[in-house]
């Protein structure tokens, strides 16, 4: 580890991630500290993380954006690497991160996330490169307040690093669909709160445009059947979000 590089804190939020967190934390052994903010796990996640050298903080759930920002604020260092328990840093990405921290030329950096879905790493369509801004100087960037589909808001130009963040979700398709159902509800509620309204045109055409974009223009068909299923679920999510927005208004 180069002595001159900026120190960096790895930051995670967790809940019942015992089956995934070990591989994640071991991929972060180059970081100067690991902070895990846990929201009531009862499967041994906290104990496992502590045993692997992480500093664990218990905190009530605030929503994705606020929870991640709270975690960032608990770090000892200003440079933070935000990662989920079902992700791991590849060797190529690790090398890029350490090189970038040697003499940072940006306040924030993004890199590709490679998603494993139905047993296959997706390399096209909606699943890749899935650009993720996860490395940043917290003095110049922060997580948004969104309770779902949160993002990092950074000052200035964002740099791009080589190497992939590997996303190895172990959930079943049933579990994935259930999670997407929760996400579309939260997204619809957030849109309504911002004064947005769904139209018949959006309900009809948003899923179609999404399919054309990711399956044909972004070559999702090259990812075989898993790629098709992944894109179709995304199209269904688009429909569900707008349909729920309509229902929330009608049911008031």
C-alpha atoms as a PDB file:
ATOM      1  CA  UNK A   1       0.000   0.000   0.000  1.00  0.00           C
ATOM      2  CA  UNK A   2       1.595   3.309  -1.068  1.00  0.00           C
ATOM      3  CA  UNK A   3       2.348   5.385   2.024  1.00  0.00           C
ATOM      4  CA  UNK A   4       1.452   8.639   0.282  1.00  0.00           C
ATOM      5  CA  UNK A   5      -2.057   7.755  -0.799  1.00  0.00           C
ATOM      6  CA  UNK A   6      -5.123   9.266   0.839  1.00  0.00           C
ATOM      7  CA  UNK A   7      -6.597   7.114   3.622  1.00  0.00           C
ATOM      8  CA  UNK A   8      -9.992   5.662   2.768  1.00  0.00           C
ATOM      9  CA  UNK A   9     -12.880   4.284   4.801  1.00  0.00           C
ATOM     10  CA  UNK A  10     -15.045   1.509   3.359  1.00  0.00           C
ATOM     11  CA  UNK A  11     -18.677   2.102   4.347  1.00  0.00           C
ATOM     12  CA  UNK A  12     -21.564  -0.394   4.276  1.00  0.00           C
ATOM     13  CA  UNK A  13     -25.172  -0.510   5.404  1.00  0.00           C
ATOM     14  CA  UNK A  14     -26.513  -3.963   6.282  1.00  0.00           C
ATOM     15  CA  UNK A  15     -29.451  -5.973   7.476  1.00  0.00           C
ATOM     16  CA  UNK A  16     -29.290  -9.775   7.637  1.00  0.00           C
ATOM     17  CA  UNK A  17     -26.350 -10.100   5.257  1.00  0.00           C
ATOM     18  CA  UNK A  18     -24.408 -12.856   7.037  1.00  0.00           C
ATOM     19  CA  UNK A  19     -24.381 -15.106   3.967  1.00  0.00           C
ATOM     20  CA  UNK A  20     -22.735 -12.449   1.802  1.00  0.00           C
ATOM     21  CA  UNK A  21     -20.700 -10.086   3.924  1.00  0.00           C
ATOM     22  CA  UNK A  22     -17.523 -12.124   4.399  1.00  0.00           C
ATOM     23  CA  UNK A  23     -16.507 -12.056   0.725  1.00  0.00           C
ATOM     24  CA  UNK A  24     -17.315  -8.359   0.619  1.00  0.00           C
ATOM     25  CA  UNK A  25     -15.204  -7.452   3.639  1.00  0.00           C
ATOM     26  CA  UNK A  26     -12.264  -9.564   2.530  1.00  0.00           C
ATOM     27  CA  UNK A  27     -12.205  -7.646  -0.756  1.00  0.00           C
ATOM     28  CA  UNK A  28     -11.878  -4.437   1.271  1.00  0.00           C
ATOM     29  CA  UNK A  29      -8.745  -5.390   3.184  1.00  0.00           C
ATOM     30  CA  UNK A  30      -6.804  -2.615   1.432  1.00  0.00           C
ATOM     31  CA  UNK A  31      -8.984   0.064   3.061  1.00  0.00           C
ATOM     32  CA  UNK A  32      -7.823   1.851   6.205  1.00  0.00           C
ATOM     33  CA  UNK A  33     -11.034   1.065   8.069  1.00  0.00           C
ATOM     34  CA  UNK A  34     -14.365  -0.617   7.440  1.00  0.00           C
ATOM     35  CA  UNK A  35     -17.551   0.852   8.899  1.00  0.00           C
ATOM     36  CA  UNK A  36     -20.729  -1.222   8.947  1.00  0.00           C
ATOM     37  CA  UNK A  37     -24.008   0.472   9.876  1.00  0.00           C
ATOM     38  CA  UNK A  38     -26.443  -2.300  10.682  1.00  0.00           C
ATOM     39  CA  UNK A  39     -30.199  -1.900  11.118  1.00  0.00           C
ATOM     40  CA  UNK A  40     -31.209  -4.724  13.414  1.00  0.00           C
ATOM     41  CA  UNK A  41     -29.776  -7.881  11.840  1.00  0.00           C
ATOM     42  CA  UNK A  42     -30.690 -11.072  13.682  1.00  0.00           C
ATOM     43  CA  UNK A  43     -28.629 -13.530  11.610  1.00  0.00           C
ATOM     44  CA  UNK A  44     -25.188 -12.795  13.042  1.00  0.00           C
ATOM     45  CA  UNK A  45     -24.205 -10.142  10.484  1.00  0.00           C
ATOM     46  CA  UNK A  46     -22.877  -7.756  13.130  1.00  0.00           C
ATOM     47  CA  UNK A  47     -20.827 -10.390  14.940  1.00  0.00           C
ATOM     48  CA  UNK A  48     -19.351 -11.688  11.697  1.00  0.00           C
ATOM     49  CA  UNK A  49     -18.421  -8.182  10.561  1.00  0.00           C
ATOM     50  CA  UNK A  50     -16.774  -7.405  13.886  1.00  0.00           C
ATOM     51  CA  UNK A  51     -14.843 -10.657  13.707  1.00  0.00           C
ATOM     52  CA  UNK A  52     -13.496  -9.589  10.322  1.00  0.00           C
ATOM     53  CA  UNK A  53     -12.257  -6.283  11.713  1.00  0.00           C
ATOM     54  CA  UNK A  54     -15.127  -3.931  10.895  1.00  0.00           C
ATOM     55  CA  UNK A  55     -16.434  -1.252  13.239  1.00  0.00           C
ATOM     56  CA  UNK A  56     -20.159  -1.935  13.599  1.00  0.00           C
ATOM     57  CA  UNK A  57     -22.719   0.717  14.491  1.00  0.00           C
ATOM     58  CA  UNK A  58     -26.381  -0.062  15.122  1.00  0.00           C
ATOM     59  CA  UNK A  59     -28.833   2.470  13.694  1.00  0.00           C
ATOM     60  CA  UNK A  60     -32.556   2.499  12.929  1.00  0.00           C
ATOM     61  CA  UNK A  61     -33.510   2.398   9.261  1.00  0.00           C
ATOM     62  CA  UNK A  62     -33.874   5.842   7.642  1.00  0.00           C
ATOM     63  CA  UNK A  63     -34.340   4.935   3.975  1.00  0.00           C
ATOM     64  CA  UNK A  64     -31.503   4.139   1.566  1.00  0.00           C
ATOM     65  CA  UNK A  65     -30.163   7.635   0.889  1.00  0.00           C
ATOM     66  CA  UNK A  66     -30.306   8.927   4.489  1.00  0.00           C
ATOM     67  CA  UNK A  67     -28.955   5.633   5.863  1.00  0.00           C
ATOM     68  CA  UNK A  68     -25.954   5.674   3.536  1.00  0.00           C
ATOM     69  CA  UNK A  69     -25.237   9.320   4.313  1.00  0.00           C
ATOM     70  CA  UNK A  70     -25.393   8.566   8.037  1.00  0.00           C
ATOM     71  CA  UNK A  71     -22.882   5.762   7.484  1.00  0.00           C
ATOM     72  CA  UNK A  72     -20.561   8.091   5.557  1.00  0.00           C
ATOM     73  CA  UNK A  73     -20.651  10.534   8.454  1.00  0.00           C
ATOM     74  CA  UNK A  74     -19.445   7.832  10.870  1.00  0.00           C
ATOM     75  CA  UNK A  75     -16.202   7.261   8.930  1.00  0.00           C
ATOM     76  CA  UNK A  76     -12.865   8.409  10.294  1.00  0.00           C
ATOM     77  CA  UNK A  77     -11.557   9.494   6.900  1.00  0.00           C
ATOM     78  CA  UNK A  78     -12.913  11.960   4.353  1.00  0.00           C
ATOM     79  CA  UNK A  79     -12.386   9.635   1.398  1.00  0.00           C
ATOM     80  CA  UNK A  80     -15.049   6.924   1.504  1.00  0.00           C
ATOM     81  CA  UNK A  81     -15.774   3.846  -0.590  1.00  0.00           C
ATOM     82  CA  UNK A  82     -19.451   2.932  -0.353  1.00  0.00           C
ATOM     83  CA  UNK A  83     -20.297  -0.683  -1.073  1.00  0.00           C
ATOM     84  CA  UNK A  84     -23.140  -3.125  -0.442  1.00  0.00           C
ATOM     85  CA  UNK A  85     -22.774  -6.423   1.373  1.00  0.00           C
ATOM     86  CA  UNK A  86     -23.445  -8.438  -1.795  1.00  0.00           C
ATOM     87  CA  UNK A  87     -20.704  -6.659  -3.727  1.00  0.00           C
ATOM     88  CA  UNK A  88     -16.946  -7.125  -3.834  1.00  0.00           C
ATOM     89  CA  UNK A  89     -14.059  -5.127  -5.231  1.00  0.00           C
ATOM     90  CA  UNK A  90     -12.227  -6.889  -8.064  1.00  0.00           C
ATOM     91  CA  UNK A  91      -8.427  -6.863  -8.148  1.00  0.00           C
ATOM     92  CA  UNK A  92      -8.457  -4.535 -11.166  1.00  0.00           C
ATOM     93  CA  UNK A  93     -10.759  -2.088  -9.400  1.00  0.00           C
ATOM     94  CA  UNK A  94      -8.685  -2.257  -6.233  1.00  0.00           C
ATOM     95  CA  UNK A  95      -5.582  -1.249  -8.200  1.00  0.00           C
ATOM     96  CA  UNK A  96      -7.461   1.635  -9.822  1.00  0.00           C
ATOM     97  CA  UNK A  97      -8.771   2.901  -6.488  1.00  0.00           C
ATOM     98  CA  UNK A  98      -5.347   2.868  -4.886  1.00  0.00           C
ATOM     99  CA  UNK A  99      -3.819   4.625  -7.878  1.00  0.00           C
ATOM    100  CA  UNK A 100      -6.546   7.290  -7.839  1.00  0.00           C
ATOM    101  CA  UNK A 101      -6.057   7.927  -4.132  1.00  0.00           C
ATOM    102  CA  UNK A 102      -2.318   8.383  -4.661  1.00  0.00           C
ATOM    103  CA  UNK A 103      -2.943  11.822  -6.155  1.00  0.00           C
ATOM    104  CA  UNK A 104      -6.694  12.489  -6.514  1.00  0.00           C
ATOM    105  CA  UNK A 105      -7.568  14.675  -9.492  1.00  0.00           C
ATOM    106  CA  UNK A 106     -11.337  14.571  -8.838  1.00  0.00           C
ATOM    107  CA  UNK A 107     -13.565  14.736  -5.777  1.00  0.00           C
ATOM    108  CA  UNK A 108     -15.505  11.640  -6.855  1.00  0.00           C
ATOM    109  CA  UNK A 109     -15.030   8.563  -9.022  1.00  0.00           C
ATOM    110  CA  UNK A 110     -17.371   6.105 -10.691  1.00  0.00           C
ATOM    111  CA  UNK A 111     -16.719   2.600 -11.969  1.00  0.00           C
ATOM    112  CA  UNK A 112     -18.613  -0.202 -13.653  1.00  0.00           C
ATOM    113  CA  UNK A 113     -20.715  -2.638 -11.658  1.00  0.00           C
ATOM    114  CA  UNK A 114     -21.041  -6.143 -13.074  1.00  0.00           C
ATOM    115  CA  UNK A 115     -24.298  -7.791 -11.990  1.00  0.00           C
ATOM    116  CA  UNK A 116     -24.763 -11.532 -11.597  1.00  0.00           C
ATOM    117  CA  UNK A 117     -28.315 -12.551 -12.457  1.00  0.00           C
ATOM    118  CA  UNK A 118     -29.755 -16.048 -12.792  1.00  0.00           C
ATOM    119  CA  UNK A 119     -26.265 -17.500 -12.574  1.00  0.00           C
ATOM    120  CA  UNK A 120     -24.682 -15.280 -15.221  1.00  0.00           C
ATOM    121  CA  UNK A 121     -22.661 -12.054 -15.090  1.00  0.00           C
ATOM    122  CA  UNK A 122     -24.458  -9.643 -17.395  1.00  0.00           C
ATOM    123  CA  UNK A 123     -22.179  -7.745 -19.773  1.00  0.00           C
ATOM    124  CA  UNK A 124     -24.719  -5.796 -21.803  1.00  0.00           C
ATOM    125  CA  UNK A 125     -28.153  -4.226 -21.598  1.00  0.00           C
ATOM    126  CA  UNK A 126     -29.281  -2.747 -18.304  1.00  0.00           C
ATOM    127  CA  UNK A 127     -26.922  -4.936 -16.289  1.00  0.00           C
ATOM    128  CA  UNK A 128     -23.616  -3.515 -17.543  1.00  0.00           C
ATOM    129  CA  UNK A 129     -21.682  -1.287 -17.187  1.00  0.00           C
ATOM    130  CA  UNK A 130     -24.192  -0.025 -14.565  1.00  0.00           C
ATOM    131  CA  UNK A 131     -21.970   2.958 -13.701  1.00  0.00           C
ATOM    132  CA  UNK A 132     -21.776   3.465  -9.940  1.00  0.00           C
ATOM    133  CA  UNK A 133     -20.355   6.535  -8.203  1.00  0.00           C
ATOM    134  CA  UNK A 134     -19.090   5.033  -4.958  1.00  0.00           C
ATOM    135  CA  UNK A 135     -15.661   6.551  -4.210  1.00  0.00           C
ATOM    136  CA  UNK A 136     -15.694  10.178  -3.102  1.00  0.00           C
ATOM    137  CA  UNK A 137     -14.398  12.857  -0.766  1.00  0.00           C
ATOM    138  CA  UNK A 138     -17.286  13.484   1.615  1.00  0.00           C
ATOM    139  CA  UNK A 139     -16.286  17.154   1.904  1.00  0.00           C
ATOM    140  CA  UNK A 140     -17.374  17.575  -1.720  1.00  0.00           C
ATOM    141  CA  UNK A 141     -20.059  14.911  -2.216  1.00  0.00           C
ATOM    142  CA  UNK A 142     -22.934  13.282  -0.364  1.00  0.00           C
ATOM    143  CA  UNK A 143     -25.756  10.803  -0.779  1.00  0.00           C
ATOM    144  CA  UNK A 144     -29.127  12.169  -1.848  1.00  0.00           C
ATOM    145  CA  UNK A 145     -32.109  12.083   0.501  1.00  0.00           C
ATOM    146  CA  UNK A 146     -34.001   9.623  -1.722  1.00  0.00           C
ATOM    147  CA  UNK A 147     -35.383   6.660   0.206  1.00  0.00           C
ATOM    148  CA  UNK A 148     -34.896   4.490  -2.892  1.00  0.00           C
ATOM    149  CA  UNK A 149     -32.849   4.911  -6.099  1.00  0.00           C
ATOM    150  CA  UNK A 150     -30.469   7.043  -4.076  1.00  0.00           C
ATOM    151  CA  UNK A 151     -27.438   8.609  -5.753  1.00  0.00           C
ATOM    152  CA  UNK A 152     -24.275  10.476  -4.865  1.00  0.00           C
ATOM    153  CA  UNK A 153     -24.342  14.197  -5.585  1.00  0.00           C
ATOM    154  CA  UNK A 154     -20.804  15.447  -6.188  1.00  0.00           C
ATOM    155  CA  UNK A 155     -19.162  18.774  -6.906  1.00  0.00           C
ATOM    156  CA  UNK A 156     -17.309  19.108 -10.185  1.00  0.00           C
ATOM    157  CA  UNK A 157     -16.438  16.513 -12.791  1.00  0.00           C
ATOM    158  CA  UNK A 158     -16.608  12.824 -11.858  1.00  0.00           C
ATOM    159  CA  UNK A 159     -13.658  10.607 -12.740  1.00  0.00           C
ATOM    160  CA  UNK A 160     -13.957   7.069 -14.142  1.00  0.00           C
ATOM    161  CA  UNK A 161     -11.887   4.136 -12.863  1.00  0.00           C
ATOM    162  CA  UNK A 162     -11.042   0.866 -14.586  1.00  0.00           C
ATOM    163  CA  UNK A 163     -12.109  -2.444 -13.076  1.00  0.00           C
ATOM    164  CA  UNK A 164     -15.467  -3.845 -12.021  1.00  0.00           C
ATOM    165  CA  UNK A 165     -17.418  -3.867  -8.802  1.00  0.00           C
ATOM    166  CA  UNK A 166     -18.765  -7.420  -8.751  1.00  0.00           C
ATOM    167  CA  UNK A 167     -22.388  -7.699  -7.649  1.00  0.00           C
ATOM    168  CA  UNK A 168     -23.032 -11.254  -6.481  1.00  0.00           C
ATOM    169  CA  UNK A 169     -26.599 -11.165  -5.263  1.00  0.00           C
ATOM    170  CA  UNK A 170     -27.529 -14.563  -3.827  1.00  0.00           C
ATOM    171  CA  UNK A 171     -31.268 -13.914  -3.720  1.00  0.00           C
ATOM    172  CA  UNK A 172     -33.737 -16.094  -5.580  1.00  0.00           C
ATOM    173  CA  UNK A 173     -35.758 -14.766  -8.501  1.00  0.00           C
ATOM    174  CA  UNK A 174     -38.786 -14.744  -6.204  1.00  0.00           C
ATOM    175  CA  UNK A 175     -36.897 -12.635  -3.690  1.00  0.00           C
ATOM    176  CA  UNK A 176     -35.633 -10.305  -6.424  1.00  0.00           C
ATOM    177  CA  UNK A 177     -39.169  -9.751  -7.690  1.00  0.00           C
ATOM    178  CA  UNK A 178     -40.427  -9.049  -4.175  1.00  0.00           C
ATOM    179  CA  UNK A 179     -37.664  -6.471  -3.684  1.00  0.00           C
ATOM    180  CA  UNK A 180     -38.489  -4.807  -6.999  1.00  0.00           C
ATOM    181  CA  UNK A 181     -42.121  -4.596  -5.934  1.00  0.00           C
ATOM    182  CA  UNK A 182     -41.081  -2.738  -2.768  1.00  0.00           C
ATOM    183  CA  UNK A 183     -38.776  -0.447  -4.736  1.00  0.00           C
ATOM    184  CA  UNK A 184     -41.463   0.526  -7.250  1.00  0.00           C
ATOM    185  CA  UNK A 185     -43.822   1.394  -4.390  1.00  0.00           C
ATOM    186  CA  UNK A 186     -41.202   3.632  -2.789  1.00  0.00           C
ATOM    187  CA  UNK A 187     -40.320   5.192  -6.142  1.00  0.00           C
ATOM    188  CA  UNK A 188     -43.986   5.909  -6.887  1.00  0.00           C
ATOM    189  CA  UNK A 189     -44.510   7.467  -3.457  1.00  0.00           C
ATOM    190  CA  UNK A 190     -41.419   9.637  -3.870  1.00  0.00           C
ATOM    191  CA  UNK A 191     -42.546  10.801  -7.330  1.00  0.00           C
ATOM    192  CA  UNK A 192     -46.006  11.732  -6.040  1.00  0.00           C
ATOM    193  CA  UNK A 193     -44.406  13.629  -3.152  1.00  0.00           C
ATOM    194  CA  UNK A 194     -42.403  15.658  -5.696  1.00  0.00           C
ATOM    195  CA  UNK A 195     -45.611  16.595  -7.497  1.00  0.00           C
ATOM    196  CA  UNK A 196     -45.159  14.197 -10.424  1.00  0.00           C
ATOM    197  CA  UNK A 197     -48.126  12.551 -12.099  1.00  0.00           C
ATOM    198  CA  UNK A 198     -48.372   9.502 -14.358  1.00  0.00           C
ATOM    199  CA  UNK A 199     -49.998   9.717 -17.777  1.00  0.00           C
ATOM    200  CA  UNK A 200     -51.472   7.080 -20.040  1.00  0.00           C
ATOM    201  CA  UNK A 201     -48.625   7.690 -22.491  1.00  0.00           C
ATOM    202  CA  UNK A 202     -45.978   6.998 -19.842  1.00  0.00           C
ATOM    203  CA  UNK A 203     -47.715   3.840 -18.668  1.00  0.00           C
ATOM    204  CA  UNK A 204     -47.935   2.590 -22.244  1.00  0.00           C
ATOM    205  CA  UNK A 205     -44.683   3.720 -23.806  1.00  0.00           C
ATOM    206  CA  UNK A 206     -42.115   3.899 -20.972  1.00  0.00           C
ATOM    207  CA  UNK A 207     -41.761   0.072 -20.748  1.00  0.00           C
ATOM    208  CA  UNK A 208     -41.581  -0.226 -24.555  1.00  0.00           C
ATOM    209  CA  UNK A 209     -38.896   2.450 -24.892  1.00  0.00           C
ATOM    210  CA  UNK A 210     -36.965   0.821 -22.071  1.00  0.00           C
ATOM    211  CA  UNK A 211     -37.044  -2.569 -23.807  1.00  0.00           C
ATOM    212  CA  UNK A 212     -35.844  -1.163 -27.135  1.00  0.00           C
ATOM    213  CA  UNK A 213     -33.051   0.753 -25.437  1.00  0.00           C
ATOM    214  CA  UNK A 214     -31.634  -2.066 -23.359  1.00  0.00           C
ATOM    215  CA  UNK A 215     -32.403  -5.190 -25.403  1.00  0.00           C
ATOM    216  CA  UNK A 216     -31.503  -3.887 -28.843  1.00  0.00           C
ATOM    217  CA  UNK A 217     -29.472  -0.658 -28.605  1.00  0.00           C
ATOM    218  CA  UNK A 218     -27.478  -1.803 -25.556  1.00  0.00           C
ATOM    219  CA  UNK A 219     -27.196  -5.378 -26.928  1.00  0.00           C
ATOM    220  CA  UNK A 220     -28.958  -7.060 -24.034  1.00  0.00           C
ATOM    221  CA  UNK A 221     -29.815  -9.983 -26.301  1.00  0.00           C
ATOM    222  CA  UNK A 222     -26.151 -11.039 -26.091  1.00  0.00           C
ATOM    223  CA  UNK A 223     -26.681 -11.966 -22.433  1.00  0.00           C
ATOM    224  CA  UNK A 224     -29.027 -14.767 -23.412  1.00  0.00           C
ATOM    225  CA  UNK A 225     -32.119 -15.727 -21.451  1.00  0.00           C
ATOM    226  CA  UNK A 226     -30.919 -14.167 -18.152  1.00  0.00           C
ATOM    227  CA  UNK A 227     -30.424 -10.879 -19.979  1.00  0.00           C
ATOM    228  CA  UNK A 228     -33.917 -11.025 -21.448  1.00  0.00           C
ATOM    229  CA  UNK A 229     -35.501 -11.790 -18.073  1.00  0.00           C
ATOM    230  CA  UNK A 230     -33.538  -8.995 -16.412  1.00  0.00           C
ATOM    231  CA  UNK A 231     -34.661  -6.431 -18.975  1.00  0.00           C
ATOM    232  CA  UNK A 232     -38.279  -7.611 -18.919  1.00  0.00           C
ATOM    233  CA  UNK A 233     -38.371  -7.206 -15.141  1.00  0.00           C
ATOM    234  CA  UNK A 234     -37.033  -3.677 -15.573  1.00  0.00           C
ATOM    235  CA  UNK A 235     -39.784  -2.938 -18.067  1.00  0.00           C
ATOM    236  CA  UNK A 236     -42.332  -4.355 -15.639  1.00  0.00           C
ATOM    237  CA  UNK A 237     -40.917  -2.109 -12.932  1.00  0.00           C
ATOM    238  CA  UNK A 238     -41.428   0.907 -15.162  1.00  0.00           C
ATOM    239  CA  UNK A 239     -45.065  -0.049 -15.703  1.00  0.00           C
ATOM    240  CA  UNK A 240     -45.594  -0.819 -12.011  1.00  0.00           C
ATOM    241  CA  UNK A 241     -44.175   2.515 -10.863  1.00  0.00           C
ATOM    242  CA  UNK A 242     -46.496   4.566 -13.062  1.00  0.00           C
ATOM    243  CA  UNK A 243     -49.484   2.324 -12.350  1.00  0.00           C
ATOM    244  CA  UNK A 244     -48.924   2.743  -8.619  1.00  0.00           C
ATOM    245  CA  UNK A 245     -48.650   6.502  -9.038  1.00  0.00           C
ATOM    246  CA  UNK A 246     -52.087   6.496 -10.637  1.00  0.00           C
ATOM    247  CA  UNK A 247     -53.523   4.290  -7.899  1.00  0.00           C
ATOM    248  CA  UNK A 248     -52.142   6.483  -5.116  1.00  0.00           C
ATOM    249  CA  UNK A 249     -53.882   9.514  -6.613  1.00  0.00           C
ATOM    250  CA  UNK A 250     -57.165   7.722  -7.335  1.00  0.00           C
ATOM    251  CA  UNK A 251     -57.334   6.102  -3.907  1.00  0.00           C
ATOM    252  CA  UNK A 252     -56.930   9.376  -1.996  1.00  0.00           C
END
